[in-house]
Amino acid sequence: MNALTITRIIAAPTERVWDVLVNRMEEWWCPRPWRAEIVLQERRAGGAANMVMHGPNGEVMPNEGMYLAWDEGRRFVVTDAVRLDPATGTFLPSGPFMIGTWEVAAEGDGTRYTASARHWTEEAMKQHRDMGFEAGWNAAADQLQALCEAG
């Protein structure tokens, strides 16, 4: 399946984790000192999912994609294989790298948070792992967890 996954328990109610997950992305999405800027989010299957990541040395990494699923309160799924031109409503092929899934589910007194990246090829998965998937996605999850547990 060429997947990379992280999971953890966050000591906060699922509703709070979901709220922070989707409404405060700019605060947790990128490991600091990077930051994310939300450009357009159409929270529905087939909607645009566009952001720009900004690095500490002036790096700019646009991320344009499309939501494949938006299950309110539970999960969202995004791919960079297709992007939506908001001006025309046209779906355009893009350079596919992954399908990303972010999920929350009640577990005990907290919430299980799971984020995964599925890749078209084993080589793309290895490239993502070598780029620092585990450290980067765990750092972002640490930031998410801190915001959720801060109350």
N, C-alpha and C. Protein backbone atom coordinates (compact mmCIF):
# COMPACT_ATOMS: atom_id res chain seq x y z
N MET A 1 0.82 -1.19 0.00
CA MET A 1 0.00 0.00 0.00
C MET A 1 0.87 1.26 0.00
N ASN A 2 2.15 1.15 0.21
CA ASN A 2 3.08 2.28 0.16
C ASN A 2 2.66 3.42 1.08
N ALA A 3 2.34 3.07 2.33
CA ALA A 3 1.82 4.06 3.28
C ALA A 3 2.80 4.34 4.41
N LEU A 4 2.79 5.59 4.83
CA LEU A 4 3.49 6.03 6.04
C LEU A 4 2.42 6.59 6.98
N THR A 5 2.49 6.23 8.26
CA THR A 5 1.43 6.60 9.19
C THR A 5 2.00 6.99 10.53
N ILE A 6 1.36 7.98 11.16
CA ILE A 6 1.62 8.28 12.56
C ILE A 6 0.29 8.25 13.29
N THR A 7 0.33 7.91 14.56
CA THR A 7 -0.88 7.92 15.38
C THR A 7 -0.49 8.24 16.81
N ARG A 8 -1.44 8.82 17.53
CA ARG A 8 -1.22 9.11 18.94
C ARG A 8 -2.56 9.38 19.61
N ILE A 9 -2.54 9.31 20.92
CA ILE A 9 -3.72 9.66 21.71
C ILE A 9 -3.53 11.09 22.21
N ILE A 10 -4.54 11.91 21.97
CA ILE A 10 -4.54 13.30 22.44
C ILE A 10 -5.54 13.40 23.58
N ALA A 11 -5.11 13.96 24.69
CA ALA A 11 -5.95 14.07 25.89
C ALA A 11 -6.91 15.25 25.76
N ALA A 12 -7.86 15.11 24.85
CA ALA A 12 -8.88 16.13 24.62
C ALA A 12 -10.05 15.45 23.92
N PRO A 13 -11.25 16.01 24.08
CA PRO A 13 -12.41 15.42 23.42
C PRO A 13 -12.28 15.48 21.89
N THR A 14 -12.88 14.52 21.24
CA THR A 14 -12.80 14.43 19.79
C THR A 14 -13.28 15.70 19.10
N GLU A 15 -14.34 16.31 19.62
CA GLU A 15 -14.88 17.53 19.01
C GLU A 15 -13.83 18.64 19.04
N ARG A 16 -13.10 18.75 20.13
CA ARG A 16 -12.07 19.79 20.23
C ARG A 16 -10.91 19.49 19.26
N VAL A 17 -10.49 18.24 19.22
CA VAL A 17 -9.38 17.88 18.32
C VAL A 17 -9.79 18.17 16.88
N TRP A 18 -11.00 17.80 16.50
CA TRP A 18 -11.45 18.06 15.14
C TRP A 18 -11.45 19.57 14.86
N ASP A 19 -11.96 20.35 15.80
CA ASP A 19 -12.03 21.80 15.62
C ASP A 19 -10.64 22.39 15.39
N VAL A 20 -9.68 22.01 16.21
CA VAL A 20 -8.31 22.52 16.05
C VAL A 20 -7.70 21.98 14.76
N LEU A 21 -7.94 20.71 14.48
CA LEU A 21 -7.40 20.07 13.28
C LEU A 21 -7.77 20.84 12.02
N VAL A 22 -9.04 21.22 11.89
CA VAL A 22 -9.50 21.80 10.62
C VAL A 22 -9.59 23.33 10.64
N ASN A 23 -9.74 23.94 11.81
CA ASN A 23 -9.93 25.39 11.86
C ASN A 23 -8.70 26.18 12.28
N ARG A 24 -7.66 25.47 12.70
CA ARG A 24 -6.45 26.16 13.15
C ARG A 24 -5.20 25.58 12.48
N MET A 25 -5.36 25.13 11.24
CA MET A 25 -4.26 24.49 10.52
C MET A 25 -3.01 25.36 10.46
N GLU A 26 -3.20 26.65 10.29
CA GLU A 26 -2.04 27.53 10.16
C GLU A 26 -1.18 27.52 11.42
N GLU A 27 -1.74 27.09 12.54
CA GLU A 27 -1.00 27.05 13.81
C GLU A 27 -0.25 25.75 14.04
N TRP A 28 -0.60 24.69 13.33
CA TRP A 28 0.03 23.40 13.63
C TRP A 28 0.54 22.64 12.40
N TRP A 29 0.10 22.95 11.20
CA TRP A 29 0.33 22.11 10.02
C TRP A 29 1.81 21.87 9.71
N CYS A 30 2.63 22.91 9.80
CA CYS A 30 4.05 22.79 9.46
C CYS A 30 4.90 22.78 10.73
N PRO A 31 5.92 21.93 10.76
CA PRO A 31 6.85 21.98 11.90
C PRO A 31 7.55 23.35 11.94
N ARG A 32 7.52 23.99 13.09
CA ARG A 32 8.21 25.27 13.24
C ARG A 32 9.69 25.09 12.97
N PRO A 33 10.35 26.01 12.32
CA PRO A 33 9.96 27.40 12.07
C PRO A 33 9.20 27.60 10.77
N TRP A 34 8.80 26.55 10.07
CA TRP A 34 7.96 26.69 8.90
C TRP A 34 6.57 27.14 9.33
N ARG A 35 5.82 27.69 8.39
CA ARG A 35 4.43 28.07 8.67
C ARG A 35 3.58 27.81 7.44
N ALA A 36 2.29 27.60 7.67
CA ALA A 36 1.35 27.35 6.59
C ALA A 36 0.43 28.53 6.42
N GLU A 37 0.09 28.82 5.19
CA GLU A 37 -0.89 29.85 4.86
C GLU A 37 -2.00 29.18 4.04
N ILE A 38 -3.21 29.19 4.57
CA ILE A 38 -4.33 28.60 3.86
C ILE A 38 -4.75 29.57 2.75
N VAL A 39 -4.83 29.06 1.53
CA VAL A 39 -5.23 29.87 0.38
C VAL A 39 -6.70 29.64 0.08
N LEU A 40 -7.11 28.38 -0.01
CA LEU A 40 -8.50 28.05 -0.32
C LEU A 40 -8.80 26.65 0.19
N GLN A 41 -9.87 26.55 0.95
CA GLN A 41 -10.34 25.24 1.40
C GLN A 41 -11.82 25.14 1.10
N GLU A 42 -12.18 24.23 0.22
CA GLU A 42 -13.57 23.94 -0.07
C GLU A 42 -13.86 22.57 0.54
N ARG A 43 -14.33 22.58 1.75
CA ARG A 43 -14.43 21.39 2.59
C ARG A 43 -15.56 20.47 2.14
N ARG A 44 -15.27 19.77 1.04
CA ARG A 44 -16.20 18.80 0.47
C ARG A 44 -15.43 17.95 -0.53
N ALA A 45 -15.91 16.76 -0.78
CA ALA A 45 -15.28 15.92 -1.81
C ALA A 45 -15.32 16.68 -3.13
N GLY A 46 -14.17 16.77 -3.79
CA GLY A 46 -14.05 17.49 -5.05
C GLY A 46 -13.69 18.95 -4.88
N GLY A 47 -13.59 19.43 -3.64
CA GLY A 47 -13.26 20.83 -3.39
C GLY A 47 -11.75 21.07 -3.36
N ALA A 48 -11.38 22.30 -3.61
CA ALA A 48 -9.97 22.69 -3.61
C ALA A 48 -9.40 22.63 -2.20
N ALA A 49 -8.15 22.23 -2.10
CA ALA A 49 -7.41 22.19 -0.84
C ALA A 49 -6.04 22.80 -1.12
N ASN A 50 -5.97 24.11 -1.02
CA ASN A 50 -4.75 24.83 -1.41
C ASN A 50 -4.15 25.59 -0.24
N MET A 51 -2.84 25.44 -0.08
CA MET A 51 -2.11 26.18 0.94
C MET A 51 -0.70 26.44 0.42
N VAL A 52 0.00 27.32 1.12
CA VAL A 52 1.40 27.59 0.81
C VAL A 52 2.17 27.41 2.11
N MET A 53 3.27 26.67 2.04
CA MET A 53 4.15 26.53 3.19
C MET A 53 5.33 27.48 3.00
N HIS A 54 5.66 28.19 4.07
CA HIS A 54 6.74 29.18 4.04
C HIS A 54 7.85 28.74 4.99
N GLY A 55 9.07 28.70 4.48
CA GLY A 55 10.22 28.30 5.28
C GLY A 55 10.93 29.48 5.90
N PRO A 56 11.78 29.20 6.87
CA PRO A 56 12.47 30.26 7.63
C PRO A 56 13.49 31.03 6.79
N ASN A 57 13.90 30.47 5.66
CA ASN A 57 14.89 31.15 4.81
C ASN A 57 14.27 31.66 3.52
N GLY A 58 12.97 31.92 3.56
CA GLY A 58 12.28 32.44 2.39
C GLY A 58 11.75 31.39 1.44
N GLU A 59 11.86 30.11 1.79
CA GLU A 59 11.33 29.05 0.94
C GLU A 59 9.81 29.21 0.82
N VAL A 60 9.30 28.93 -0.37
CA VAL A 60 7.86 28.98 -0.62
C VAL A 60 7.48 27.69 -1.34
N MET A 61 6.61 26.91 -0.72
CA MET A 61 6.19 25.63 -1.30
C MET A 61 4.67 25.60 -1.42
N PRO A 62 4.15 25.92 -2.61
CA PRO A 62 2.70 25.83 -2.82
C PRO A 62 2.26 24.36 -2.76
N ASN A 63 1.12 24.13 -2.17
CA ASN A 63 0.51 22.81 -2.12
C ASN A 63 -0.91 22.94 -2.63
N GLU A 64 -1.13 22.51 -3.86
CA GLU A 64 -2.46 22.57 -4.43
C GLU A 64 -2.97 21.15 -4.60
N GLY A 65 -4.18 20.95 -4.14
CA GLY A 65 -4.76 19.62 -4.26
C GLY A 65 -6.27 19.68 -4.21
N MET A 66 -6.84 18.53 -3.91
CA MET A 66 -8.28 18.39 -3.92
C MET A 66 -8.69 17.45 -2.79
N TYR A 67 -9.78 17.80 -2.14
CA TYR A 67 -10.36 16.89 -1.15
C TYR A 67 -11.02 15.72 -1.87
N LEU A 68 -10.67 14.53 -1.46
CA LEU A 68 -11.36 13.33 -1.95
C LEU A 68 -12.53 12.98 -1.06
N ALA A 69 -12.40 13.32 0.23
CA ALA A 69 -13.47 13.07 1.19
C ALA A 69 -13.42 14.12 2.28
N TRP A 70 -14.58 14.47 2.79
CA TRP A 70 -14.69 15.34 3.96
C TRP A 70 -15.83 14.78 4.79
N ASP A 71 -15.49 14.05 5.82
CA ASP A 71 -16.47 13.45 6.72
C ASP A 71 -16.41 14.24 8.02
N GLU A 72 -17.29 15.23 8.14
CA GLU A 72 -17.27 16.20 9.24
C GLU A 72 -17.15 15.50 10.59
N GLY A 73 -16.20 15.96 11.36
CA GLY A 73 -15.99 15.43 12.70
C GLY A 73 -15.20 14.15 12.77
N ARG A 74 -14.82 13.59 11.60
CA ARG A 74 -14.16 12.28 11.61
C ARG A 74 -12.88 12.22 10.79
N ARG A 75 -12.93 12.67 9.51
CA ARG A 75 -11.73 12.57 8.68
C ARG A 75 -11.84 13.47 7.46
N PHE A 76 -10.67 13.79 6.93
CA PHE A 76 -10.61 14.37 5.59
C PHE A 76 -9.46 13.72 4.84
N VAL A 77 -9.64 13.66 3.51
CA VAL A 77 -8.68 13.00 2.64
C VAL A 77 -8.36 13.97 1.50
N VAL A 78 -7.06 14.15 1.23
CA VAL A 78 -6.61 15.10 0.22
C VAL A 78 -5.62 14.40 -0.71
N THR A 79 -5.63 14.80 -1.97
CA THR A 79 -4.60 14.34 -2.89
C THR A 79 -4.01 15.52 -3.64
N ASP A 80 -2.77 15.37 -4.03
CA ASP A 80 -2.12 16.37 -4.87
C ASP A 80 -2.06 15.89 -6.32
N ALA A 81 -2.75 14.77 -6.63
CA ALA A 81 -2.75 14.24 -7.98
C ALA A 81 -3.69 15.02 -8.90
N VAL A 82 -4.62 15.73 -8.28
CA VAL A 82 -5.59 16.54 -9.01
C VAL A 82 -5.72 17.86 -8.28
N ARG A 83 -5.84 18.92 -9.05
CA ARG A 83 -6.12 20.22 -8.44
C ARG A 83 -7.29 20.84 -9.16
N LEU A 84 -7.99 21.70 -8.47
CA LEU A 84 -9.16 22.36 -9.01
C LEU A 84 -8.80 23.79 -9.33
N ASP A 85 -9.04 24.21 -10.57
CA ASP A 85 -8.85 25.61 -10.94
C ASP A 85 -10.09 26.36 -10.46
N PRO A 86 -9.95 27.16 -9.40
CA PRO A 86 -11.14 27.81 -8.83
C PRO A 86 -11.80 28.80 -9.79
N ALA A 87 -11.04 29.34 -10.71
CA ALA A 87 -11.60 30.32 -11.65
C ALA A 87 -12.55 29.66 -12.65
N THR A 88 -12.23 28.43 -13.06
CA THR A 88 -13.04 27.77 -14.09
C THR A 88 -13.80 26.56 -13.59
N GLY A 89 -13.44 26.06 -12.40
CA GLY A 89 -14.06 24.84 -11.89
C GLY A 89 -13.56 23.59 -12.58
N THR A 90 -12.47 23.72 -13.32
CA THR A 90 -11.90 22.61 -14.07
C THR A 90 -10.93 21.81 -13.20
N PHE A 91 -11.05 20.49 -13.27
CA PHE A 91 -10.10 19.62 -12.59
C PHE A 91 -8.89 19.44 -13.50
N LEU A 92 -7.70 19.63 -12.94
CA LEU A 92 -6.47 19.54 -13.71
C LEU A 92 -5.55 18.50 -13.11
N PRO A 93 -4.86 17.70 -13.95
CA PRO A 93 -3.90 16.75 -13.40
C PRO A 93 -2.72 17.50 -12.80
N SER A 94 -2.15 16.90 -11.81
CA SER A 94 -1.02 17.50 -11.12
C SER A 94 0.03 16.42 -10.92
N GLY A 95 1.20 16.80 -10.42
CA GLY A 95 2.26 15.81 -10.18
C GLY A 95 1.93 15.02 -8.94
N PRO A 96 1.41 13.79 -9.08
CA PRO A 96 0.96 13.06 -7.89
C PRO A 96 2.12 12.64 -6.99
N PHE A 97 1.95 12.89 -5.71
CA PHE A 97 2.91 12.44 -4.72
C PHE A 97 2.24 11.54 -3.70
N MET A 98 1.02 11.94 -3.25
CA MET A 98 0.40 11.14 -2.21
C MET A 98 -1.09 11.41 -2.09
N ILE A 99 -1.73 10.55 -1.32
CA ILE A 99 -3.07 10.76 -0.80
C ILE A 99 -2.88 10.85 0.71
N GLY A 100 -3.29 11.96 1.29
CA GLY A 100 -3.15 12.15 2.74
C GLY A 100 -4.49 12.00 3.42
N THR A 101 -4.49 11.30 4.54
CA THR A 101 -5.71 11.09 5.33
C THR A 101 -5.44 11.52 6.76
N TRP A 102 -6.33 12.34 7.32
CA TRP A 102 -6.26 12.78 8.71
C TRP A 102 -7.56 12.37 9.36
N GLU A 103 -7.44 11.59 10.46
CA GLU A 103 -8.62 11.03 11.11
C GLU A 103 -8.57 11.25 12.62
N VAL A 104 -9.76 11.39 13.20
CA VAL A 104 -9.89 11.43 14.65
C VAL A 104 -10.99 10.46 15.07
N ALA A 105 -10.81 9.83 16.23
CA ALA A 105 -11.81 8.91 16.77
C ALA A 105 -11.69 8.90 18.28
N ALA A 106 -12.82 8.88 18.95
CA ALA A 106 -12.82 8.80 20.40
C ALA A 106 -12.13 7.52 20.85
N GLU A 107 -11.31 7.66 21.88
CA GLU A 107 -10.66 6.48 22.47
C GLU A 107 -10.42 6.77 23.95
N GLY A 108 -11.07 5.99 24.79
CA GLY A 108 -10.96 6.22 26.23
C GLY A 108 -11.44 7.62 26.56
N ASP A 109 -10.63 8.34 27.34
CA ASP A 109 -10.97 9.71 27.71
C ASP A 109 -10.43 10.73 26.72
N GLY A 110 -9.86 10.27 25.62
CA GLY A 110 -9.23 11.19 24.68
C GLY A 110 -9.63 10.89 23.25
N THR A 111 -8.72 11.22 22.37
CA THR A 111 -8.97 11.08 20.93
C THR A 111 -7.75 10.45 20.26
N ARG A 112 -8.00 9.44 19.46
CA ARG A 112 -6.93 8.87 18.64
C ARG A 112 -6.83 9.71 17.36
N TYR A 113 -5.65 10.26 17.14
CA TYR A 113 -5.35 11.04 15.93
C TYR A 113 -4.46 10.17 15.04
N THR A 114 -4.84 10.04 13.79
CA THR A 114 -4.06 9.25 12.83
C THR A 114 -3.90 10.06 11.56
N ALA A 115 -2.68 10.16 11.08
CA ALA A 115 -2.39 10.82 9.81
C ALA A 115 -1.56 9.86 8.97
N SER A 116 -1.96 9.71 7.71
CA SER A 116 -1.23 8.79 6.85
C SER A 116 -1.05 9.38 5.47
N ALA A 117 0.00 8.93 4.83
CA ALA A 117 0.32 9.33 3.46
C ALA A 117 0.48 8.06 2.64
N ARG A 118 -0.36 7.92 1.63
CA ARG A 118 -0.28 6.78 0.72
C ARG A 118 0.31 7.27 -0.59
N HIS A 119 1.25 6.50 -1.11
CA HIS A 119 1.99 6.92 -2.30
C HIS A 119 1.74 5.95 -3.44
N TRP A 120 1.87 6.46 -4.66
CA TRP A 120 1.64 5.65 -5.84
C TRP A 120 2.71 4.58 -6.00
N THR A 121 3.92 4.88 -5.58
CA THR A 121 5.02 3.93 -5.77
C THR A 121 5.81 3.77 -4.47
N GLU A 122 6.52 2.67 -4.40
CA GLU A 122 7.40 2.45 -3.25
C GLU A 122 8.51 3.50 -3.23
N GLU A 123 8.97 3.89 -4.43
CA GLU A 123 10.04 4.91 -4.51
C GLU A 123 9.56 6.24 -3.94
N ALA A 124 8.33 6.64 -4.25
CA ALA A 124 7.78 7.90 -3.71
C ALA A 124 7.64 7.82 -2.19
N MET A 125 7.23 6.65 -1.70
CA MET A 125 7.12 6.47 -0.25
C MET A 125 8.49 6.61 0.41
N LYS A 126 9.49 5.95 -0.17
CA LYS A 126 10.84 6.04 0.39
C LYS A 126 11.37 7.46 0.33
N GLN A 127 11.07 8.17 -0.76
CA GLN A 127 11.49 9.57 -0.87
C GLN A 127 10.86 10.40 0.25
N HIS A 128 9.57 10.19 0.52
CA HIS A 128 8.88 10.94 1.58
C HIS A 128 9.47 10.60 2.94
N ARG A 129 9.75 9.32 3.16
CA ARG A 129 10.37 8.90 4.42
C ARG A 129 11.74 9.55 4.58
N ASP A 130 12.53 9.55 3.50
CA ASP A 130 13.86 10.13 3.54
C ASP A 130 13.84 11.66 3.68
N MET A 131 12.75 12.29 3.24
CA MET A 131 12.58 13.74 3.40
C MET A 131 12.33 14.11 4.87
N GLY A 132 12.07 13.11 5.69
CA GLY A 132 11.82 13.38 7.11
C GLY A 132 10.37 13.24 7.51
N PHE A 133 9.64 12.36 6.84
CA PHE A 133 8.22 12.16 7.16
C PHE A 133 7.98 12.02 8.65
N GLU A 134 8.65 11.04 9.26
CA GLU A 134 8.36 10.74 10.67
C GLU A 134 8.62 11.94 11.57
N ALA A 135 9.77 12.56 11.43
CA ALA A 135 10.09 13.71 12.28
C ALA A 135 9.16 14.88 11.98
N GLY A 136 8.91 15.16 10.71
CA GLY A 136 8.08 16.30 10.34
C GLY A 136 6.63 16.14 10.73
N TRP A 137 6.04 14.99 10.41
CA TRP A 137 4.63 14.80 10.73
C TRP A 137 4.43 14.63 12.23
N ASN A 138 5.41 14.07 12.94
CA ASN A 138 5.29 14.00 14.40
C ASN A 138 5.44 15.38 15.04
N ALA A 139 6.31 16.23 14.49
CA ALA A 139 6.44 17.60 15.01
C ALA A 139 5.14 18.36 14.82
N ALA A 140 4.52 18.22 13.66
CA ALA A 140 3.23 18.87 13.43
C ALA A 140 2.17 18.30 14.39
N ALA A 141 2.18 16.99 14.60
CA ALA A 141 1.23 16.37 15.53
C ALA A 141 1.48 16.85 16.96
N ASP A 142 2.75 17.06 17.33
CA ASP A 142 3.06 17.63 18.66
C ASP A 142 2.41 19.00 18.81
N GLN A 143 2.50 19.81 17.74
CA GLN A 143 1.92 21.16 17.78
C GLN A 143 0.39 21.08 17.89
N LEU A 144 -0.21 20.16 17.11
CA LEU A 144 -1.66 19.94 17.19
C LEU A 144 -2.05 19.51 18.59
N GLN A 145 -1.34 18.54 19.12
CA GLN A 145 -1.64 18.02 20.45
C GLN A 145 -1.55 19.11 21.51
N ALA A 146 -0.52 19.93 21.45
CA ALA A 146 -0.36 21.01 22.44
C ALA A 146 -1.54 21.98 22.37
N LEU A 147 -1.98 22.33 21.18
CA LEU A 147 -3.12 23.25 21.04
C LEU A 147 -4.39 22.61 21.59
N CYS A 148 -4.60 21.32 21.32
CA CYS A 148 -5.80 20.63 21.78
C CYS A 148 -5.82 20.46 23.29
N GLU A 149 -4.67 20.17 23.86
CA GLU A 149 -4.61 19.91 25.30
C GLU A 149 -4.50 21.16 26.13
N ALA A 150 -4.27 22.30 25.48
CA ALA A 150 -4.17 23.57 26.22
C ALA A 150 -5.54 24.02 26.74
N GLY A 151 -6.58 23.41 26.22
CA GLY A 151 -7.91 23.72 26.72
C GLY A 151 -8.50 24.85 25.99
